[in-house]
Protein backbone atom coordinates (compact mmCIF):
# COMPACT_ATOMS: atom_id res chain seq x y z
CA MET A 1 -17.31 -26.60 22.35
CA SER A 2 -13.72 -26.13 21.22
CA ARG A 3 -12.82 -25.12 17.69
CA ILE A 4 -11.23 -28.52 17.11
CA GLN A 5 -14.35 -30.35 18.29
CA ALA A 6 -16.50 -28.23 16.00
CA THR A 7 -14.24 -29.07 13.09
CA LEU A 8 -14.51 -32.78 13.82
CA LEU A 9 -18.31 -32.56 13.92
CA ARG A 10 -18.33 -30.81 10.56
CA LEU A 11 -16.05 -33.52 9.21
CA ARG A 12 -18.35 -36.24 10.51
CA ASP A 13 -21.37 -34.73 8.77
CA ALA A 14 -19.47 -34.08 5.55
CA VAL A 15 -18.25 -37.63 5.04
CA LYS A 16 -21.30 -39.43 6.40
CA GLY A 17 -22.33 -40.24 2.84
CA LEU A 18 -18.99 -41.90 2.13
CA PRO A 19 -19.19 -44.79 4.59
CA VAL A 20 -16.04 -46.55 3.52
CA ILE A 21 -13.77 -43.59 4.10
CA GLY A 22 -15.88 -41.49 6.45
CA ARG A 23 -15.65 -43.40 9.69
CA PRO A 24 -11.90 -44.07 9.51
CA ILE A 25 -11.24 -40.37 8.86
CA ILE A 26 -13.30 -39.41 11.89
CA ALA A 27 -11.54 -42.02 13.97
CA LEU A 28 -8.21 -40.54 13.00
CA GLY A 29 -9.30 -36.98 13.74
CA ARG A 30 -6.25 -35.78 11.87
CA PHE A 31 -4.92 -34.88 8.44
CA THR A 32 -2.76 -37.38 6.61
CA TYR A 33 -0.45 -37.18 3.65
CA VAL A 34 -0.73 -39.78 0.89
CA GLY A 35 3.02 -39.62 0.42
CA GLY A 36 3.72 -39.34 4.12
CA GLY A 37 2.75 -42.73 5.49
CA SER A 38 2.03 -42.11 9.16
CA ALA A 39 -0.55 -39.42 9.95
CA VAL A 40 0.69 -35.87 10.28
CA THR A 41 -1.58 -33.67 12.36
CA THR A 42 -2.25 -30.40 10.56
CA LEU A 43 -5.24 -28.37 11.70
CA SER A 44 -5.27 -26.22 8.57
CA GLY A 45 -5.55 -29.34 6.44
CA LEU A 46 -8.22 -30.77 8.70
CA ALA A 47 -10.22 -27.58 8.34
CA ARG A 48 -10.17 -27.82 4.53
CA LEU A 49 -11.13 -31.47 4.32
CA PRO A 50 -14.80 -31.22 5.47
CA SER A 51 -15.80 -28.67 2.85
CA ALA A 52 -14.20 -30.69 0.04
CA ALA A 53 -15.73 -33.93 1.32
CA TRP A 54 -19.14 -32.27 1.58
CA ARG A 55 -19.08 -31.11 -2.04
CA PHE A 56 -18.39 -34.58 -3.35
CA ARG A 57 -20.66 -36.33 -0.85
CA ARG A 58 -23.69 -34.48 -2.22
CA GLU A 59 -22.94 -35.82 -5.69
CA TRP A 60 -22.69 -39.49 -4.84
CA THR A 61 -25.35 -40.23 -2.23
CA SER A 62 -28.07 -40.45 -4.89
CA GLU A 63 -28.62 -43.36 -7.23
CA ASN A 64 -29.38 -41.01 -10.13
CA HIS A 65 -26.48 -39.69 -12.13
CA GLY A 66 -25.91 -37.71 -15.29
CA VAL A 67 -22.60 -39.16 -16.46
CA GLY A 68 -22.70 -39.57 -20.24
CA ARG A 69 -26.32 -38.42 -20.60
CA ALA A 70 -25.72 -35.27 -22.64
CA PRO A 71 -22.27 -35.27 -24.25
CA SER A 72 -21.75 -32.65 -26.92
CA GLY A 73 -19.10 -31.60 -29.41
CA ARG A 74 -15.68 -33.23 -29.68
CA GLN A 75 -13.83 -31.59 -26.83
CA VAL A 76 -12.02 -33.81 -24.32
CA VAL A 77 -10.90 -32.25 -21.05
CA MET A 78 -8.03 -34.20 -19.54
CA LEU A 79 -7.31 -33.79 -15.81
CA ALA A 80 -3.90 -34.57 -14.35
CA VAL A 81 -1.92 -33.91 -11.19
CA ALA A 82 1.44 -34.45 -12.86
CA ASP A 83 4.17 -32.61 -14.70
CA MET A 84 3.20 -32.57 -18.37
CA ARG A 85 6.81 -32.01 -19.36
CA ILE A 86 7.69 -35.58 -18.39
CA ASP A 87 4.43 -37.56 -18.63
CA PRO A 88 4.58 -39.61 -21.84
CA ARG A 89 1.29 -41.47 -21.37
CA VAL A 90 -0.82 -38.35 -21.13
CA GLU A 91 1.03 -36.91 -24.13
CA ARG A 92 0.51 -39.97 -26.29
CA GLU A 93 -3.18 -40.19 -25.46
CA ALA A 94 -3.72 -36.48 -26.10
CA ARG A 95 -1.87 -36.61 -29.41
CA ALA A 96 -3.83 -39.69 -30.54
CA LEU A 97 -7.19 -38.05 -29.82
CA ALA A 98 -6.13 -34.77 -31.42
CA ALA A 99 -4.99 -36.59 -34.57
CA ALA A 100 -8.47 -38.16 -34.75
CA GLY A 101 -10.17 -34.78 -34.70
CA TYR A 102 -10.87 -34.32 -31.00
CA GLU A 103 -10.09 -31.01 -29.33
CA VAL A 104 -8.04 -31.85 -26.26
CA VAL A 105 -7.63 -29.51 -23.29
CA VAL A 106 -5.18 -30.66 -20.63
CA ILE A 107 -5.79 -29.15 -17.19
CA TRP A 108 -2.79 -29.90 -15.00
CA THR A 109 -1.15 -28.73 -11.81
CA ASP A 110 2.34 -27.42 -12.47
CA PRO A 111 4.76 -28.59 -9.76
CA LEU A 112 7.11 -25.70 -10.51
CA PRO A 113 6.59 -22.30 -8.88
CA ALA A 114 5.22 -19.54 -11.08
CA SER A 115 8.49 -17.65 -10.71
CA ALA A 116 10.38 -20.44 -12.47
CA GLU A 117 8.90 -19.49 -15.87
CA PRO A 118 9.62 -22.85 -17.54
CA PRO A 119 9.20 -23.26 -21.32
CA PRO A 120 5.61 -23.92 -22.43
CA VAL A 121 4.48 -27.44 -23.20
CA ASP A 122 3.66 -28.03 -26.88
CA TRP A 123 2.13 -31.27 -28.12
CA GLY A 124 1.13 -30.04 -31.54
CA PRO A 125 -2.17 -28.95 -33.08
CA GLY A 126 -5.39 -29.91 -31.38
CA VAL A 127 -3.93 -29.98 -27.85
CA SER A 128 -4.07 -26.96 -25.55
CA PHE A 129 -3.08 -26.58 -21.93
CA ARG A 130 -4.36 -24.89 -18.83
CA SER A 131 -1.81 -25.05 -16.06
CA LEU A 132 -2.86 -24.45 -12.46
CA ARG A 133 -0.73 -23.43 -9.54
CA GLN A 134 0.99 -26.11 -7.53
CA SER A 135 -1.43 -25.52 -4.65
CA ALA A 136 -4.34 -26.75 -6.79
CA GLY A 137 -2.83 -30.23 -6.68
CA THR A 138 -2.02 -30.50 -3.00
CA PHE A 139 -5.24 -32.42 -2.42
CA SER A 140 -3.51 -35.49 -3.91
CA GLN A 141 -1.06 -35.38 -0.98
CA GLN A 142 -3.81 -35.13 1.62
CA TYR A 143 -5.77 -38.18 2.65
CA PRO A 144 -7.89 -39.47 0.99
CA GLY A 145 -6.06 -37.90 -1.93
CA PHE A 146 -8.89 -37.36 -4.41
CA LEU A 147 -10.99 -34.45 -3.10
CA GLY A 148 -9.77 -31.93 -5.68
CA ALA A 149 -12.24 -29.12 -5.11
CA VAL A 150 -10.16 -26.46 -6.90
CA LEU A 151 -9.60 -28.74 -9.88
CA LEU A 152 -13.35 -29.41 -9.98
CA ASP A 153 -14.14 -25.70 -10.09
CA VAL A 154 -11.89 -25.25 -13.10
CA ALA A 155 -13.23 -28.38 -14.83
CA LEU A 156 -16.80 -27.10 -14.47
CA GLU A 157 -15.94 -24.11 -16.64
CA TYR A 158 -16.08 -26.53 -19.59
CA ARG A 159 -18.96 -28.38 -21.24
CA PRO A 160 -17.03 -31.05 -23.15
CA PHE A 161 -17.82 -34.34 -24.76
CA ALA A 162 -15.84 -36.09 -22.03
CA PHE A 163 -13.72 -35.56 -18.94
CA HIS A 164 -10.68 -37.85 -18.90
CA GLY A 165 -9.24 -38.39 -15.42
CA HIS A 166 -5.63 -39.51 -15.42
CA ASP A 167 -4.94 -41.69 -12.36
CA LEU A 168 -7.24 -42.21 -9.43
CA ASP A 169 -6.50 -38.85 -7.81
CA THR A 170 -8.48 -37.07 -10.56
CA ALA A 171 -11.17 -39.75 -11.03
CA LEU A 172 -13.68 -38.28 -8.55
CA VAL A 173 -13.27 -34.84 -10.14
CA ALA A 174 -13.87 -36.32 -13.61
CA LEU A 175 -16.92 -38.25 -12.45
CA THR A 176 -18.41 -35.27 -10.61
CA ALA A 177 -17.80 -32.84 -13.46
CA ALA A 178 -19.35 -35.35 -15.87
CA ARG A 179 -22.35 -35.80 -13.60
CA ARG A 180 -22.92 -32.04 -13.44
CA THR A 181 -22.53 -31.43 -17.18
CA GLY A 182 -23.81 -34.69 -18.70
CA ALA A 183 -20.46 -35.34 -20.34
CA HIS A 184 -18.82 -38.72 -20.42
CA ALA A 185 -16.24 -39.66 -17.79
CA VAL A 186 -13.23 -41.77 -18.76
CA CYS A 187 -11.14 -42.98 -15.81
CA ASP A 188 -7.59 -43.91 -16.78
CA PHE A 189 -5.78 -46.04 -14.19
CA HIS A 190 -2.07 -45.50 -14.85
CA GLU A 191 -1.51 -47.47 -11.66
CA TRP A 192 -3.56 -49.58 -9.30
CA TYR A 193 -3.86 -47.15 -6.42
CA SER A 194 -5.43 -49.44 -3.84
CA GLU A 195 -2.67 -51.98 -4.43
CA ASN A 196 0.20 -49.51 -4.16
CA VAL A 197 2.57 -48.41 -1.39
CA THR A 198 2.85 -45.64 1.21
CA TRP A 199 5.98 -43.73 2.16
CA VAL A 200 6.88 -43.97 5.86
CA PRO A 201 9.04 -40.96 6.82
CA LEU A 202 10.38 -42.33 10.10
CA SER A 203 11.88 -45.44 8.52
CA ARG A 204 12.35 -43.78 5.10
CA THR A 205 10.86 -46.83 3.41
CA TYR A 206 7.75 -47.80 1.48
CA ARG A 207 5.20 -50.27 2.77
CA PRO A 208 1.90 -51.60 1.37
CA HIS A 209 -1.08 -49.36 2.07
CA SER A 210 -2.76 -49.65 5.44
CA ARG A 211 -6.28 -51.05 5.55
CA LEU A 212 -7.63 -47.53 6.02
CA ARG A 213 -5.87 -46.07 3.01
CA LYS A 214 -6.66 -49.07 0.84
CA ALA A 215 -10.35 -48.85 1.81
CA GLY A 216 -10.51 -45.22 0.67
CA TYR A 217 -9.01 -46.03 -2.71
CA ARG A 218 -11.17 -49.12 -3.14
CA TRP A 219 -14.30 -47.04 -2.51
CA LEU A 220 -13.40 -44.73 -5.39
CA GLU A 221 -12.32 -47.55 -7.69
CA ARG A 222 -15.71 -49.19 -7.20
CA LEU A 223 -17.40 -45.85 -7.87
CA CYS A 224 -15.49 -45.65 -11.16
CA PHE A 225 -16.61 -49.14 -12.11
CA ARG A 226 -20.19 -48.22 -11.33
CA TYR A 227 -20.50 -44.83 -13.02
CA ALA A 228 -17.64 -44.12 -15.46
CA SER A 229 -18.44 -44.20 -19.16
CA ALA A 230 -15.21 -46.08 -19.80
CA LEU A 231 -12.23 -47.42 -17.88
CA VAL A 232 -8.68 -47.72 -19.15
CA THR A 233 -5.53 -49.24 -17.66
CA VAL A 234 -2.02 -50.22 -18.68
CA CYS A 235 -1.79 -54.03 -18.71
CA ASP A 236 -3.76 -57.26 -18.69
CA SER A 237 -2.86 -58.32 -15.14
CA ILE A 238 -4.28 -55.14 -13.59
CA ALA A 239 -7.32 -55.16 -15.88
CA ASP A 240 -8.16 -58.77 -15.08
CA ALA A 241 -7.67 -58.44 -11.33
CA MET A 242 -9.65 -55.20 -11.02
CA ALA A 243 -12.52 -56.60 -13.07
CA ARG A 244 -12.54 -59.79 -11.04
CA GLU A 245 -12.50 -58.06 -7.67
CA MET A 246 -14.78 -55.06 -8.27
CA GLY A 247 -16.22 -55.30 -11.76
CA ASN A 248 -19.73 -56.49 -10.79
CA GLY A 249 -20.26 -57.89 -14.28
CA ARG A 250 -18.98 -54.82 -16.10
CA PRO A 251 -17.16 -55.56 -19.38
CA ARG A 252 -13.42 -55.85 -19.12
CA ILE A 253 -11.39 -52.65 -18.75
CA ALA A 254 -9.75 -51.43 -21.96
CA VAL A 255 -6.00 -52.06 -21.91
CA ILE A 256 -3.78 -49.49 -23.62
CA ARG A 257 -0.12 -50.26 -23.07
CA ASN A 258 2.54 -47.58 -22.83
CA ILE A 259 4.12 -48.19 -26.24
CA PRO A 260 5.99 -45.19 -27.67
CA ASP A 261 4.77 -43.77 -30.96
CA GLN A 262 7.51 -44.54 -33.49
CA ALA A 263 6.52 -41.52 -35.57
CA SER A 264 7.16 -39.09 -32.71
CA ARG A 265 10.13 -36.81 -33.31
CA PRO A 266 12.53 -35.78 -30.53
CA SER A 267 13.11 -32.13 -29.72
CA ARG A 268 16.74 -32.41 -30.88
CA THR A 269 19.31 -34.81 -32.27
CA TYR A 270 21.22 -37.08 -29.86
CA SER A 271 24.52 -38.82 -30.41
CA SER A 272 24.79 -42.44 -29.30
CA LEU A 273 24.65 -42.97 -25.56
CA LYS A 274 28.30 -44.00 -25.36
CA GLU A 275 29.31 -40.87 -27.21
CA GLN A 276 27.14 -38.75 -24.91
CA PHE A 277 29.11 -39.95 -21.89
CA GLY A 278 32.52 -40.63 -23.44
CA LEU A 279 32.43 -44.42 -23.07
CA SER A 280 34.55 -46.72 -25.22
CA ASP A 281 32.97 -49.39 -27.38
CA GLU A 282 34.46 -52.05 -25.11
CA ARG A 283 32.45 -50.89 -22.10
CA PHE A 284 29.04 -52.49 -21.55
CA ALA A 285 26.71 -49.51 -21.15
CA LEU A 286 23.63 -50.34 -19.08
CA LEU A 287 20.93 -47.66 -18.95
CA TRP A 288 18.33 -46.92 -16.30
CA GLN A 289 16.11 -44.20 -17.72
CA GLY A 290 13.08 -43.02 -15.79
CA GLY A 291 11.97 -42.28 -12.25
CA VAL A 292 14.48 -42.63 -9.43
CA GLY A 293 14.16 -42.79 -5.67
CA PRO A 294 13.39 -45.21 -2.84
CA SER A 295 10.52 -47.04 -4.57
CA ARG A 296 12.51 -47.92 -7.69
CA MET A 297 14.82 -50.63 -6.29
CA ILE A 298 17.86 -49.21 -8.08
CA GLU A 299 20.21 -49.87 -5.15
CA PRO A 300 20.73 -53.60 -5.93
CA VAL A 301 21.42 -52.66 -9.56
CA VAL A 302 24.22 -50.37 -8.40
CA GLU A 303 25.50 -53.06 -6.05
CA ALA A 304 25.58 -55.49 -8.98
CA LEU A 305 28.44 -53.46 -10.45
CA ALA A 306 30.70 -55.18 -7.90
CA TYR A 307 30.14 -58.46 -9.78
CA ALA A 308 29.96 -57.04 -13.32
CA PRO A 309 33.38 -55.42 -13.88
CA THR A 310 32.87 -54.60 -17.56
CA CYS A 311 29.62 -52.71 -16.95
CA THR A 312 29.08 -48.96 -16.64
CA LEU A 313 25.64 -48.00 -15.30
CA ILE A 314 24.00 -44.76 -16.45
CA ILE A 315 21.09 -43.59 -14.32
CA ARG A 316 19.13 -40.81 -15.98
CA GLY A 317 15.86 -39.44 -14.65
CA PRO A 318 14.02 -36.68 -12.83
CA GLU A 319 15.15 -35.89 -9.27
CA ILE A 320 18.57 -37.42 -9.89
CA GLU A 321 19.99 -34.41 -8.04
CA THR A 322 18.10 -35.54 -4.92
CA TYR A 323 18.68 -39.29 -5.03
CA GLY A 324 21.87 -39.54 -7.07
CA PRO A 325 24.24 -39.00 -4.11
CA GLY A 326 22.84 -42.10 -2.44
CA TYR A 327 23.56 -44.21 -5.52
CA ALA A 328 27.02 -42.66 -5.80
CA ALA A 329 27.75 -43.59 -2.17
CA ILE A 330 26.90 -47.25 -2.89
CA ALA A 331 29.12 -47.26 -5.96
CA ALA A 332 31.99 -45.74 -3.98
CA ARG A 333 31.58 -48.31 -1.22
CA ILE A 334 31.89 -51.24 -3.63
CA GLY A 335 34.74 -49.69 -5.59
CA ALA A 336 32.72 -48.85 -8.70
CA ALA A 337 32.51 -45.06 -8.43
CA ASP A 338 34.09 -44.67 -11.87
CA ARG A 339 31.46 -46.96 -13.42
CA LEU A 340 28.36 -45.04 -12.35
CA ILE A 341 27.13 -42.05 -14.32
CA LEU A 342 24.30 -39.84 -13.04
CA ALA A 343 22.48 -37.72 -15.61
CA SER A 344 19.52 -35.36 -15.62
CA ALA A 345 16.26 -36.36 -17.27
CA VAL A 346 15.50 -35.57 -20.90
CA PRO A 347 12.03 -34.49 -22.14
CA SER A 348 9.56 -37.36 -22.46
CA ARG A 349 9.49 -37.07 -26.25
CA ASP A 350 13.30 -37.53 -26.31
CA VAL A 351 13.74 -40.65 -24.19
CA VAL A 352 13.83 -43.09 -27.11
CA ALA A 353 16.34 -41.10 -29.15
CA ALA A 354 18.50 -40.34 -26.10
CA ALA A 355 18.77 -44.03 -25.16
CA ARG A 356 20.08 -45.32 -28.49
CA GLY A 357 23.61 -46.62 -28.38
CA ALA A 358 23.41 -48.28 -24.97
CA ASP A 359 24.01 -52.03 -24.78
CA ALA A 360 20.89 -52.75 -22.71
CA GLY A 361 18.22 -51.08 -20.61
CA ILE A 362 17.19 -52.24 -17.15
CA TRP A 363 13.93 -52.12 -15.19
CA THR A 364 13.05 -53.30 -11.70
CA LEU A 365 10.78 -52.64 -8.72
CA PRO A 366 10.49 -54.07 -5.19
CA ASN A 367 8.02 -56.86 -4.51
CA LEU A 368 5.84 -54.81 -2.17
CA CYS A 369 2.43 -54.74 -3.84
CA ARG A 370 0.50 -55.91 -6.88
CA ASN A 371 0.80 -52.51 -8.52
CA PHE A 372 4.55 -53.15 -8.69
CA THR A 373 4.58 -56.82 -9.61
CA TYR A 374 1.88 -56.36 -12.27
CA ALA A 375 3.63 -53.33 -13.79
CA LEU A 376 4.30 -53.02 -17.51
CA PRO A 377 5.89 -49.57 -17.63
CA ASN A 378 6.79 -47.03 -20.31
CA LYS A 379 10.42 -47.81 -19.68
CA ILE A 380 10.37 -51.31 -21.15
CA PHE A 381 8.70 -50.22 -24.39
CA GLU A 382 11.00 -47.21 -24.65
CA TYR A 383 14.05 -49.47 -24.42
CA LEU A 384 12.64 -51.65 -27.19
CA ALA A 385 11.96 -48.59 -29.33
CA SER A 386 15.61 -47.60 -28.82
CA GLY A 387 16.72 -51.03 -30.08
CA LEU A 388 17.97 -52.12 -26.65
CA PRO A 389 17.75 -55.60 -25.10
CA VAL A 390 15.86 -55.42 -21.81
CA LEU A 391 17.00 -56.70 -18.41
CA ALA A 392 13.87 -56.94 -16.28
CA ALA A 393 12.82 -58.05 -12.82
CA HIS A 394 11.12 -61.43 -13.05
CA TYR A 395 7.54 -60.21 -12.48
CA PRO A 396 4.64 -61.61 -14.55
CA GLU A 397 3.92 -58.88 -17.12
CA ALA A 398 7.53 -57.91 -17.79
CA LYS A 399 8.74 -61.52 -17.87
CA ARG A 400 5.94 -62.55 -20.24
CA LEU A 401 6.81 -59.80 -22.71
CA VAL A 402 10.60 -60.27 -22.53
CA GLU A 403 10.42 -64.03 -22.98
CA HIS A 404 7.60 -64.08 -25.54
CA TYR A 405 9.39 -61.71 -27.90
CA GLN A 406 12.90 -62.90 -26.91
CA VAL A 407 14.16 -59.38 -26.32
CA GLY A 408 16.04 -59.75 -23.04
CA LEU A 409 16.72 -61.56 -19.78
CA CYS A 410 15.13 -61.57 -16.32
CA PHE A 411 16.64 -61.52 -12.83
CA ASP A 412 15.85 -61.59 -9.12
CA PRO A 413 15.43 -57.90 -8.21
CA TYR A 414 16.68 -58.42 -4.65
CA ASP A 415 19.88 -60.25 -5.56
CA PRO A 416 22.79 -58.16 -6.94
CA ARG A 417 24.51 -61.38 -8.06
CA SER A 418 21.45 -62.39 -10.10
CA ILE A 419 21.38 -58.94 -11.70
CA ALA A 420 25.11 -59.15 -12.39
CA ALA A 421 24.69 -62.60 -13.95
CA ALA A 422 22.21 -61.20 -16.46
CA ILE A 423 24.50 -58.25 -17.18
CA ASN A 424 27.54 -60.50 -17.65
CA GLN A 425 25.64 -62.87 -19.92
CA LEU A 426 24.89 -60.06 -22.35
CA SER A 427 28.28 -58.45 -21.92
CA GLU A 428 30.22 -61.65 -22.64
CA ASP A 429 27.97 -63.14 -25.32
CA ARG A 430 27.94 -60.57 -28.11
CA PRO A 431 26.03 -62.80 -30.59
CA GLN A 432 23.21 -63.26 -28.06
CA ARG A 433 23.12 -59.53 -27.35
CA ASP A 434 22.94 -58.74 -31.06
CA ARG A 435 20.19 -61.32 -31.55
CA LEU A 436 18.09 -59.90 -28.72
CA ALA A 437 18.62 -56.37 -30.02
CA ALA A 438 17.57 -57.43 -33.52
CA ASN A 439 14.38 -58.95 -32.09
CA THR A 440 13.26 -55.57 -30.73
CA SER A 441 12.25 -54.39 -34.21
CA GLU A 442 10.07 -57.44 -34.81
CA ALA A 443 8.58 -57.13 -31.33
CA LEU A 444 7.62 -53.50 -31.92
CA ALA A 445 6.12 -54.35 -35.29
CA ARG A 446 3.98 -57.04 -33.68
CA LEU A 447 3.05 -54.82 -30.75
CA ASP A 448 2.11 -52.03 -33.23
CA ALA A 449 2.30 -48.80 -31.26
CA ALA A 450 0.06 -46.91 -33.66
CA ALA A 451 -2.70 -49.49 -33.23
CA GLU A 452 -2.28 -49.36 -29.45
CA TRP A 453 -3.06 -45.64 -29.26
CA ARG A 454 -5.86 -45.96 -31.82
CA LYS A 455 -7.61 -48.12 -29.23
CA LEU A 456 -8.28 -44.95 -27.27
CA VAL A 457 -9.73 -43.25 -30.33
CA THR A 458 -11.92 -46.28 -30.99
CA LEU A 459 -13.09 -46.21 -27.39
CA TYR A 460 -13.98 -42.52 -27.64
CA ASP A 461 -15.72 -42.99 -30.97
CA GLY A 462 -17.79 -45.67 -29.28
CA LEU A 463 -18.96 -43.09 -26.73
CA ALA A 464 -20.18 -40.71 -29.43
CA ARG A 465 -23.68 -42.19 -29.64
CA PRO A 466 -24.90 -42.92 -26.10
CA ASP A 467 -27.95 -45.09 -25.71
CA ARG A 468 -30.85 -42.65 -25.32
CA SER A 469 -33.13 -45.39 -24.02
CA GLY A 470 -31.75 -44.86 -20.55
CA ALA A 471 -29.31 -47.75 -20.39
CA ASP A 472 -25.67 -46.97 -19.79
CA PRO A 473 -23.64 -46.90 -23.01
CA ASN A 474 -21.10 -49.64 -23.52
CA PRO A 475 -17.96 -48.06 -25.02
CA LEU A 476 -16.19 -51.41 -25.26
CA ASP A 477 -18.55 -52.59 -28.00
CA ALA A 478 -16.58 -50.51 -30.50
CA LEU A 479 -13.29 -51.95 -29.27
CA VAL A 480 -14.54 -55.50 -29.62
CA ALA A 481 -15.85 -54.80 -33.12
CA ALA A 482 -12.50 -53.28 -34.10
CA ARG A 483 -10.49 -56.33 -33.14
């Protein structure tokens, strides 16, 4: 028997207990990257997958489980495969729990090499960090993307009240660690993984997940619905659809929207956006602030500059050094090179202060999957907190918020002329722009950011007294009572 055949047999045995993802993995007989789209054969990755799959398979082939059976203390261990320097949702949740008296430990995989020696992350009293090497998070790039054996080993060094898994790639680790220790497991869906997209290197485009990839994510999402002490997500559309399609009668997922905390202070003082970039008051300054790259649909926004001659577009976000030249090439092609400004990202706690002084903020995504069309991102709330009218793609959640609170306009994300029409409407109608900007304060008061993040505290307080009779605790009872 060859070494490769032996590896495949080990893989078959390891994932036998995970029927949804096991058979497709065996059929592939290869290692795939979550961010890579088509399968990339890598024997070293294939060799690591069976052992990780075996560890988790042993935990979830039995009906008995210990999640939430013996929580103790007030420590919350958060798990994240993300850069904590630029992840506002994790920061806001950690700060909210710490302010309520919980001791929060954030275990995260630092994407920067150890030699970089970046400044430490500081979220104030009650929040501590344990950063792991970049290699500890590579499991999230390897199909199925959630077998984080190294992260699990570190998590098991703690005996907390709860493990809080941020995004689906840490959910299985949170559930397994909670099962082993008796702690609660809170699974926080920042996105809807099974309804997301896959990067295809050959065409350099994104496409909806294949049936295989979607099946793997759906298996874990159902596991979360079955065993997690509590589930959290970012908007009503995702919460309703997930509950309808895999809830099995479970109470509705808690929705905690990404509303910035108005009391948060930036790391430094910022001048107005126009002053930052030397723009005159006559220029209409349109800001894109946040993630950039092929999945963000920024290209039509740049192309819209051809039809919006009074507009200067500022794109500011992480990886602008990588993707900025592509945007600059579009602007040069349409004769708007002097009306595009590319700027590096600011720390997550600074985004609201750094955006003030623009004339509007813009958000869009391609219509490729429900995770995109149901999105209600940080960016929209951050623009409102900066006092900016919002130009948003006409998807359900964003359109509902913009129109309900009368804080902006919507457009067709695929049509540069539609985007330009929205830009020109605000640029040419100053009274309307001022009215929409004035409405942002009322909208934020009605949205009540402080109350939004207290929902998480209420949810955790509802987990504090699990039902010792043997029935699973219902953490949403406290949320319902608080409303």
